[in-house]
Amino acid sequence: MSKIITVILVTVLVVYLFRRMAQNRGEKGIQPPSDAKKKTVEDMVRCQVCGVNLPRSEAILSRGRIYCCDEHRQSDT
């Protein structure tokens, strides 16, 4: 009788440990990227002088025209 109880207790303990490991793996393992980590899609624009494409956030806008650097902005006057 004591052998059966021991086997049952060991089985319950093993199942508990496997479930706990699976739960911890889900918390610490592979997680979907959060909104802050996701890359955002940004419009590309073309420099009026050299024609290079660059993201709108990196472009220089002056008098309604788009430039890739300050040198091109100054040279296009």
N, C-alpha and C. Protein backbone atom coordinates (compact mmCIF):
# COMPACT_ATOMS: atom_id res chain seq x y z
N MET A 1 0.82 -1.19 0.00
CA MET A 1 0.00 0.00 0.00
C MET A 1 0.86 1.26 0.00
N SER A 2 1.95 1.26 0.73
CA SER A 2 2.82 2.43 0.80
C SER A 2 3.50 2.68 -0.55
N LYS A 3 3.75 1.63 -1.32
CA LYS A 3 4.35 1.81 -2.65
C LYS A 3 3.38 2.53 -3.58
N ILE A 4 2.12 2.22 -3.52
CA ILE A 4 1.12 2.86 -4.37
C ILE A 4 1.00 4.34 -4.01
N ILE A 5 0.97 4.64 -2.73
CA ILE A 5 0.89 6.03 -2.29
C ILE A 5 2.14 6.80 -2.73
N THR A 6 3.29 6.18 -2.62
CA THR A 6 4.55 6.82 -3.05
C THR A 6 4.53 7.11 -4.55
N VAL A 7 4.07 6.15 -5.35
CA VAL A 7 3.99 6.34 -6.80
C VAL A 7 3.03 7.47 -7.13
N ILE A 8 1.89 7.52 -6.46
CA ILE A 8 0.91 8.58 -6.71
C ILE A 8 1.49 9.95 -6.33
N LEU A 9 2.15 10.04 -5.18
CA LEU A 9 2.74 11.30 -4.76
C LEU A 9 3.84 11.76 -5.71
N VAL A 10 4.68 10.83 -6.16
CA VAL A 10 5.74 11.18 -7.11
C VAL A 10 5.13 11.65 -8.42
N THR A 11 4.07 10.98 -8.89
CA THR A 11 3.41 11.36 -10.13
C THR A 11 2.81 12.76 -10.01
N VAL A 12 2.14 13.04 -8.92
CA VAL A 12 1.55 14.36 -8.70
C VAL A 12 2.65 15.43 -8.65
N LEU A 13 3.75 15.13 -7.98
CA LEU A 13 4.85 16.06 -7.90
C LEU A 13 5.47 16.34 -9.27
N VAL A 14 5.65 15.32 -10.08
CA VAL A 14 6.21 15.48 -11.42
C VAL A 14 5.28 16.32 -12.29
N VAL A 15 3.99 16.06 -12.26
CA VAL A 15 3.02 16.82 -13.04
C VAL A 15 3.03 18.29 -12.59
N TYR A 16 3.06 18.51 -11.29
CA TYR A 16 3.10 19.88 -10.77
C TYR A 16 4.35 20.62 -11.26
N LEU A 17 5.51 19.96 -11.19
CA LEU A 17 6.75 20.60 -11.62
C LEU A 17 6.74 20.89 -13.12
N PHE A 18 6.22 19.98 -13.95
CA PHE A 18 6.16 20.22 -15.38
C PHE A 18 5.23 21.39 -15.71
N ARG A 19 4.11 21.48 -15.03
CA ARG A 19 3.20 22.60 -15.27
C ARG A 19 3.82 23.93 -14.84
N ARG A 20 4.53 23.90 -13.73
CA ARG A 20 5.17 25.13 -13.26
C ARG A 20 6.28 25.56 -14.22
N MET A 21 7.06 24.62 -14.72
CA MET A 21 8.11 24.94 -15.69
C MET A 21 7.50 25.50 -16.97
N ALA A 22 6.40 24.91 -17.43
CA ALA A 22 5.74 25.40 -18.65
C ALA A 22 5.21 26.81 -18.45
N GLN A 23 4.68 27.10 -17.28
CA GLN A 23 4.17 28.43 -16.99
C GLN A 23 5.31 29.44 -16.94
N ASN A 24 6.42 29.10 -16.33
CA ASN A 24 7.58 30.00 -16.26
C ASN A 24 8.18 30.21 -17.64
N ARG A 25 8.19 29.21 -18.47
CA ARG A 25 8.72 29.34 -19.82
C ARG A 25 7.89 30.33 -20.62
N GLY A 26 6.58 30.30 -20.43
CA GLY A 26 5.70 31.23 -21.11
C GLY A 26 5.92 32.66 -20.66
N GLU A 27 6.26 32.87 -19.39
CA GLU A 27 6.48 34.22 -18.87
C GLU A 27 7.85 34.75 -19.27
N LYS A 28 8.87 33.91 -19.27
CA LYS A 28 10.24 34.37 -19.51
C LYS A 28 10.72 34.07 -20.92
N GLY A 29 10.06 33.20 -21.61
CA GLY A 29 10.53 32.76 -22.91
C GLY A 29 10.13 33.68 -24.03
N ILE A 30 9.72 33.13 -25.11
CA ILE A 30 9.36 33.90 -26.29
C ILE A 30 8.06 34.64 -26.03
N GLN A 31 8.13 35.95 -26.18
CA GLN A 31 6.94 36.77 -25.98
C GLN A 31 6.74 37.61 -27.23
N PRO A 32 5.50 37.90 -27.56
CA PRO A 32 5.27 38.77 -28.70
C PRO A 32 5.82 40.16 -28.42
N PRO A 33 6.32 40.85 -29.43
CA PRO A 33 6.88 42.17 -29.20
C PRO A 33 5.83 43.15 -28.72
N SER A 34 6.24 44.01 -27.81
CA SER A 34 5.30 45.00 -27.32
C SER A 34 5.15 46.11 -28.36
N ASP A 35 4.18 46.97 -28.16
CA ASP A 35 3.92 48.06 -29.11
C ASP A 35 5.13 48.99 -29.23
N ALA A 36 5.86 49.17 -28.13
CA ALA A 36 7.01 50.07 -28.16
C ALA A 36 8.14 49.50 -29.01
N LYS A 37 8.24 48.20 -29.11
CA LYS A 37 9.32 47.58 -29.85
C LYS A 37 9.00 47.41 -31.34
N LYS A 38 7.76 47.53 -31.70
CA LYS A 38 7.39 47.35 -33.10
C LYS A 38 7.91 48.50 -33.94
N LYS A 39 8.38 48.18 -35.12
CA LYS A 39 8.85 49.21 -36.02
C LYS A 39 7.64 49.81 -36.73
N THR A 40 7.68 51.11 -36.88
CA THR A 40 6.58 51.77 -37.56
C THR A 40 6.97 52.02 -39.01
N VAL A 41 6.00 51.99 -39.86
CA VAL A 41 6.22 52.26 -41.28
C VAL A 41 6.18 53.77 -41.46
N GLU A 42 7.16 54.29 -42.20
CA GLU A 42 7.26 55.73 -42.37
C GLU A 42 7.34 56.06 -43.85
N ASP A 43 6.77 57.19 -44.22
CA ASP A 43 6.81 57.64 -45.61
C ASP A 43 8.24 57.98 -46.01
N MET A 44 8.59 57.65 -47.24
CA MET A 44 9.89 57.99 -47.79
C MET A 44 9.71 59.21 -48.70
N VAL A 45 10.67 60.11 -48.66
CA VAL A 45 10.64 61.31 -49.50
C VAL A 45 11.95 61.40 -50.28
N ARG A 46 11.95 62.23 -51.33
CA ARG A 46 13.12 62.35 -52.20
C ARG A 46 13.72 63.75 -52.06
N CYS A 47 15.04 63.79 -51.94
CA CYS A 47 15.77 65.06 -51.88
C CYS A 47 15.62 65.78 -53.21
N GLN A 48 15.38 67.10 -53.18
CA GLN A 48 15.20 67.90 -54.39
C GLN A 48 16.49 68.09 -55.17
N VAL A 49 17.64 67.92 -54.50
CA VAL A 49 18.93 68.17 -55.15
C VAL A 49 19.53 66.88 -55.71
N CYS A 50 19.72 65.88 -54.85
CA CYS A 50 20.43 64.67 -55.29
C CYS A 50 19.52 63.50 -55.61
N GLY A 51 18.27 63.56 -55.19
CA GLY A 51 17.31 62.51 -55.50
C GLY A 51 17.34 61.30 -54.58
N VAL A 52 18.10 61.37 -53.50
CA VAL A 52 18.17 60.25 -52.57
C VAL A 52 16.85 60.14 -51.80
N ASN A 53 16.42 58.90 -51.55
CA ASN A 53 15.21 58.67 -50.77
C ASN A 53 15.59 58.52 -49.30
N LEU A 54 14.81 59.15 -48.42
CA LEU A 54 15.07 59.07 -47.00
C LEU A 54 13.75 59.16 -46.24
N PRO A 55 13.73 58.66 -44.99
CA PRO A 55 12.49 58.75 -44.20
C PRO A 55 12.11 60.21 -43.96
N ARG A 56 10.83 60.47 -43.91
CA ARG A 56 10.35 61.84 -43.73
C ARG A 56 10.87 62.45 -42.43
N SER A 57 11.05 61.65 -41.38
CA SER A 57 11.52 62.19 -40.10
C SER A 57 12.97 62.66 -40.18
N GLU A 58 13.75 62.18 -41.13
CA GLU A 58 15.15 62.59 -41.27
C GLU A 58 15.32 63.70 -42.30
N ALA A 59 14.29 64.02 -43.03
CA ALA A 59 14.38 65.02 -44.10
C ALA A 59 14.32 66.43 -43.53
N ILE A 60 14.86 67.38 -44.29
CA ILE A 60 14.81 68.79 -43.95
C ILE A 60 13.82 69.46 -44.90
N LEU A 61 12.81 70.09 -44.33
CA LEU A 61 11.79 70.76 -45.13
C LEU A 61 12.03 72.26 -45.07
N SER A 62 12.21 72.88 -46.23
CA SER A 62 12.45 74.31 -46.28
C SER A 62 11.72 74.89 -47.49
N ARG A 63 10.88 75.88 -47.26
CA ARG A 63 10.11 76.54 -48.31
C ARG A 63 9.34 75.56 -49.19
N GLY A 64 8.80 74.54 -48.57
CA GLY A 64 7.99 73.56 -49.29
C GLY A 64 8.79 72.53 -50.07
N ARG A 65 10.09 72.54 -49.94
CA ARG A 65 10.94 71.58 -50.65
C ARG A 65 11.63 70.68 -49.63
N ILE A 66 11.99 69.48 -50.06
CA ILE A 66 12.57 68.48 -49.16
C ILE A 66 14.03 68.25 -49.53
N TYR A 67 14.89 68.20 -48.50
CA TYR A 67 16.32 68.00 -48.68
C TYR A 67 16.83 66.92 -47.74
N CYS A 68 17.94 66.28 -48.14
CA CYS A 68 18.52 65.23 -47.30
C CYS A 68 19.52 65.79 -46.30
N CYS A 69 20.09 66.95 -46.55
CA CYS A 69 21.06 67.54 -45.64
C CYS A 69 21.00 69.06 -45.77
N ASP A 70 21.64 69.73 -44.82
CA ASP A 70 21.63 71.19 -44.81
C ASP A 70 22.42 71.77 -45.98
N GLU A 71 23.46 71.09 -46.42
CA GLU A 71 24.24 71.56 -47.58
C GLU A 71 23.37 71.66 -48.83
N HIS A 72 22.54 70.65 -49.05
CA HIS A 72 21.67 70.67 -50.24
C HIS A 72 20.60 71.76 -50.10
N ARG A 73 20.13 71.99 -48.88
CA ARG A 73 19.15 73.05 -48.68
C ARG A 73 19.75 74.40 -49.03
N GLN A 74 20.98 74.62 -48.59
CA GLN A 74 21.64 75.91 -48.84
C GLN A 74 22.02 76.07 -50.32
N SER A 75 22.40 74.97 -50.97
CA SER A 75 22.83 75.07 -52.36
C SER A 75 21.66 75.24 -53.34
N ASP A 76 20.45 75.00 -52.91
CA ASP A 76 19.29 75.06 -53.79
C ASP A 76 18.58 76.41 -53.71
N THR A 77 19.27 77.45 -53.27
CA THR A 77 18.62 78.76 -53.16
C THR A 77 18.64 79.53 -54.44
